[in-house]
Amino acid sequence: MVTYMEELSVTEADNLKKTIAKLFRQTCILQMRYDPVTLVCRDNPDYEICARHRNFIEDYLSVLGCELVHDPQERVFRLVGEGMETEKLSLATTIIVLLVKMIYRDKILGEGLNATVTTLAEIRAYG
């Protein structure tokens, strides 16, 4: 594994390290991601790094008891295995998070940085 990293350019090796760290933080890497302010869809460079270095990442994760799974239909790389702890949100928490995100997006697109704080009354009215 060390020789593989040494064969890469310094920038590519650094990007690979950062992508693996993101996999552990996020547990998945999507091919397309949206800019939260403009909602413009862009290619995710981390997805491309996972695609280019898939075999190396799979070997690296196998040592840790994890597995890199690629879903071509959903266009996502995700991390699974006994070495991964996943936090599950309750249905109520998930709904609240989604509502707040939708309200935030609507406010930012409409009012920009002058948007007010979201209140509990707005969440109830929206949902």
C-alpha atoms as a PDB file:
ATOM      1  CA  MET A   1       0.000   0.000   0.000  1.00  0.00           C
ATOM      2  CA  VAL A   2       2.845   2.356   0.805  1.00  0.00           C
ATOM      3  CA  THR A   3       4.397   1.888  -2.634  1.00  0.00           C
ATOM      4  CA  TYR A   4       1.060   2.735  -4.281  1.00  0.00           C
ATOM      5  CA  MET A   5       0.915   6.051  -2.397  1.00  0.00           C
ATOM      6  CA  GLU A   6       4.536   6.815  -3.255  1.00  0.00           C
ATOM      7  CA  GLU A   7       3.829   6.332  -6.966  1.00  0.00           C
ATOM      8  CA  LEU A   8       1.134   9.023  -6.912  1.00  0.00           C
ATOM      9  CA  SER A   9       1.841  12.715  -7.223  1.00  0.00           C
ATOM     10  CA  VAL A  10       1.898  14.638  -3.956  1.00  0.00           C
ATOM     11  CA  THR A  11      -1.404  16.360  -4.783  1.00  0.00           C
ATOM     12  CA  GLU A  12      -3.131  13.129  -5.787  1.00  0.00           C
ATOM     13  CA  ALA A  13      -1.895  11.320  -2.657  1.00  0.00           C
ATOM     14  CA  ASP A  14      -3.135  14.188  -0.474  1.00  0.00           C
ATOM     15  CA  ASN A  15      -6.526  14.175  -2.209  1.00  0.00           C
ATOM     16  CA  LEU A  16      -6.767  10.407  -1.730  1.00  0.00           C
ATOM     17  CA  LYS A  17      -6.045  10.739   2.004  1.00  0.00           C
ATOM     18  CA  LYS A  18      -8.679  13.463   2.338  1.00  0.00           C
ATOM     19  CA  THR A  19     -11.247  11.382   0.429  1.00  0.00           C
ATOM     20  CA  ILE A  20     -10.700   8.366   2.675  1.00  0.00           C
ATOM     21  CA  ALA A  21     -11.103  10.613   5.728  1.00  0.00           C
ATOM     22  CA  LYS A  22     -14.366  11.963   4.251  1.00  0.00           C
ATOM     23  CA  LEU A  23     -15.606   8.407   3.760  1.00  0.00           C
ATOM     24  CA  PHE A  24     -15.176   7.810   7.487  1.00  0.00           C
ATOM     25  CA  ARG A  25     -16.885  11.087   8.415  1.00  0.00           C
ATOM     26  CA  GLN A  26     -19.774  10.895   5.952  1.00  0.00           C
ATOM     27  CA  THR A  27     -19.934   7.111   5.272  1.00  0.00           C
ATOM     28  CA  CYS A  28     -20.775   7.890   1.626  1.00  0.00           C
ATOM     29  CA  ILE A  29     -19.583   9.944  -1.352  1.00  0.00           C
ATOM     30  CA  LEU A  30     -22.127  11.037  -3.982  1.00  0.00           C
ATOM     31  CA  GLN A  31     -21.228  11.607  -7.622  1.00  0.00           C
ATOM     32  CA  MET A  32     -23.136  14.878  -7.837  1.00  0.00           C
ATOM     33  CA  ARG A  33     -23.474  17.416  -5.070  1.00  0.00           C
ATOM     34  CA  TYR A  34     -25.466  20.603  -4.863  1.00  0.00           C
ATOM     35  CA  ASP A  35     -24.142  23.975  -3.879  1.00  0.00           C
ATOM     36  CA  PRO A  36     -26.340  24.790  -0.847  1.00  0.00           C
ATOM     37  CA  VAL A  37     -26.682  28.446  -1.800  1.00  0.00           C
ATOM     38  CA  THR A  38     -27.228  28.333  -5.569  1.00  0.00           C
ATOM     39  CA  LEU A  39     -28.535  24.724  -5.780  1.00  0.00           C
ATOM     40  CA  VAL A  40     -26.357  24.194  -8.842  1.00  0.00           C
ATOM     41  CA  CYS A  41     -25.472  20.537  -9.373  1.00  0.00           C
ATOM     42  CA  ARG A  42     -21.728  19.865  -9.751  1.00  0.00           C
ATOM     43  CA  ASP A  43     -19.485  16.831 -10.095  1.00  0.00           C
ATOM     44  CA  ASN A  44     -17.966  15.731  -6.818  1.00  0.00           C
ATOM     45  CA  PRO A  45     -14.156  15.401  -7.136  1.00  0.00           C
ATOM     46  CA  ASP A  46     -14.128  12.938  -4.213  1.00  0.00           C
ATOM     47  CA  TYR A  47     -16.310  10.553  -6.235  1.00  0.00           C
ATOM     48  CA  GLU A  48     -13.810  10.662  -9.091  1.00  0.00           C
ATOM     49  CA  ILE A  49     -10.964   9.905  -6.682  1.00  0.00           C
ATOM     50  CA  CYS A  50     -12.907   6.909  -5.330  1.00  0.00           C
ATOM     51  CA  ALA A  51     -13.482   5.682  -8.891  1.00  0.00           C
ATOM     52  CA  ARG A  52      -9.810   6.098  -9.896  1.00  0.00           C
ATOM     53  CA  HIS A  53      -8.364   4.501  -6.759  1.00  0.00           C
ATOM     54  CA  ARG A  54     -11.161   2.041  -5.982  1.00  0.00           C
ATOM     55  CA  ASN A  55      -8.931  -1.050  -5.720  1.00  0.00           C
ATOM     56  CA  PHE A  56      -6.505   0.680  -3.354  1.00  0.00           C
ATOM     57  CA  ILE A  57      -9.316   2.020  -1.144  1.00  0.00           C
ATOM     58  CA  GLU A  58     -10.966  -1.428  -1.043  1.00  0.00           C
ATOM     59  CA  ASP A  59      -7.668  -3.049   0.043  1.00  0.00           C
ATOM     60  CA  TYR A  60      -7.052  -0.332   2.631  1.00  0.00           C
ATOM     61  CA  LEU A  61     -10.530  -0.671   4.123  1.00  0.00           C
ATOM     62  CA  SER A  62     -10.409  -4.476   4.179  1.00  0.00           C
ATOM     63  CA  VAL A  63      -7.579  -4.265   6.716  1.00  0.00           C
ATOM     64  CA  LEU A  64      -9.929  -2.264   8.967  1.00  0.00           C
ATOM     65  CA  GLY A  65     -12.834  -4.679   8.545  1.00  0.00           C
ATOM     66  CA  CYS A  66     -14.777  -2.300   6.308  1.00  0.00           C
ATOM     67  CA  GLU A  67     -15.913  -2.522   2.707  1.00  0.00           C
ATOM     68  CA  LEU A  68     -16.313   0.071  -0.030  1.00  0.00           C
ATOM     69  CA  VAL A  69     -19.579  -0.517  -1.884  1.00  0.00           C
ATOM     70  CA  HIS A  70     -20.360   1.195  -5.184  1.00  0.00           C
ATOM     71  CA  ASP A  71     -23.967   1.580  -6.285  1.00  0.00           C
ATOM     72  CA  PRO A  72     -23.836   2.590  -9.974  1.00  0.00           C
ATOM     73  CA  GLN A  73     -27.576   3.236 -10.150  1.00  0.00           C
ATOM     74  CA  GLU A  74     -27.546   5.688  -7.244  1.00  0.00           C
ATOM     75  CA  ARG A  75     -24.025   6.874  -8.164  1.00  0.00           C
ATOM     76  CA  VAL A  76     -22.646   6.596  -4.664  1.00  0.00           C
ATOM     77  CA  PHE A  77     -19.683   5.008  -2.910  1.00  0.00           C
ATOM     78  CA  ARG A  78     -20.505   3.994   0.648  1.00  0.00           C
ATOM     79  CA  LEU A  79     -18.654   2.509   3.543  1.00  0.00           C
ATOM     80  CA  VAL A  80     -20.068  -0.589   5.279  1.00  0.00           C
ATOM     81  CA  GLY A  81     -18.795  -3.216   7.663  1.00  0.00           C
ATOM     82  CA  GLU A  82     -18.272  -4.172  11.258  1.00  0.00           C
ATOM     83  CA  GLY A  83     -15.697  -1.437  11.714  1.00  0.00           C
ATOM     84  CA  MET A  84     -18.251   1.255  10.883  1.00  0.00           C
ATOM     85  CA  GLU A  85     -20.627   2.670  13.414  1.00  0.00           C
ATOM     86  CA  THR A  86     -23.667   4.258  11.870  1.00  0.00           C
ATOM     87  CA  GLU A  87     -25.904   6.649  13.675  1.00  0.00           C
ATOM     88  CA  LYS A  88     -29.575   6.309  12.878  1.00  0.00           C
ATOM     89  CA  LEU A  89     -31.996   9.180  13.336  1.00  0.00           C
ATOM     90  CA  SER A  90     -35.555   8.660  14.440  1.00  0.00           C
ATOM     91  CA  LEU A  91     -38.343   9.338  11.948  1.00  0.00           C
ATOM     92  CA  ALA A  92     -39.376  12.514  13.800  1.00  0.00           C
ATOM     93  CA  THR A  93     -35.806  13.847  13.825  1.00  0.00           C
ATOM     94  CA  THR A  94     -35.397  13.099  10.121  1.00  0.00           C
ATOM     95  CA  ILE A  95     -38.612  14.950   9.261  1.00  0.00           C
ATOM     96  CA  ILE A  96     -37.608  17.979  11.338  1.00  0.00           C
ATOM     97  CA  VAL A  97     -34.142  18.110   9.750  1.00  0.00           C
ATOM     98  CA  LEU A  98     -35.645  17.910   6.251  1.00  0.00           C
ATOM     99  CA  LEU A  99     -38.223  20.603   7.007  1.00  0.00           C
ATOM    100  CA  VAL A 100     -35.598  22.962   8.421  1.00  0.00           C
ATOM    101  CA  LYS A 101     -33.408  22.347   5.372  1.00  0.00           C
ATOM    102  CA  MET A 102     -36.293  23.107   2.991  1.00  0.00           C
ATOM    103  CA  ILE A 103     -37.242  26.267   4.891  1.00  0.00           C
ATOM    104  CA  TYR A 104     -33.599  27.391   4.937  1.00  0.00           C
ATOM    105  CA  ARG A 105     -33.264  26.824   1.190  1.00  0.00           C
ATOM    106  CA  ASP A 106     -36.468  28.751   0.453  1.00  0.00           C
ATOM    107  CA  LYS A 107     -35.396  31.644   2.673  1.00  0.00           C
ATOM    108  CA  ILE A 108     -31.849  31.861   1.289  1.00  0.00           C
ATOM    109  CA  LEU A 109     -33.076  31.748  -2.315  1.00  0.00           C
ATOM    110  CA  GLY A 110     -35.714  34.374  -1.604  1.00  0.00           C
ATOM    111  CA  GLU A 111     -34.050  36.742   0.822  1.00  0.00           C
ATOM    112  CA  GLY A 112     -30.386  35.869   0.572  1.00  0.00           C
ATOM    113  CA  LEU A 113     -28.296  36.806   3.580  1.00  0.00           C
ATOM    114  CA  ASN A 114     -31.136  38.949   4.942  1.00  0.00           C
ATOM    115  CA  ALA A 115     -33.155  35.808   5.769  1.00  0.00           C
ATOM    116  CA  THR A 116     -34.490  35.619   9.313  1.00  0.00           C
ATOM    117  CA  VAL A 117     -34.054  32.799  11.796  1.00  0.00           C
ATOM    118  CA  THR A 118     -36.416  29.853  11.355  1.00  0.00           C
ATOM    119  CA  THR A 119     -38.950  29.537  14.155  1.00  0.00           C
ATOM    120  CA  LEU A 120     -40.901  26.570  15.473  1.00  0.00           C
ATOM    121  CA  ALA A 121     -44.103  28.163  14.139  1.00  0.00           C
ATOM    122  CA  GLU A 122     -42.623  28.161  10.607  1.00  0.00           C
ATOM    123  CA  ILE A 123     -41.681  24.508  10.904  1.00  0.00           C
ATOM    124  CA  ARG A 124     -45.229  23.632  11.982  1.00  0.00           C
ATOM    125  CA  ALA A 125     -46.748  25.713   9.190  1.00  0.00           C
ATOM    126  CA  TYR A 126     -44.432  24.295   6.544  1.00  0.00           C
ATOM    127  CA  GLY A 127     -44.882  20.645   7.456  1.00  0.00           C
END
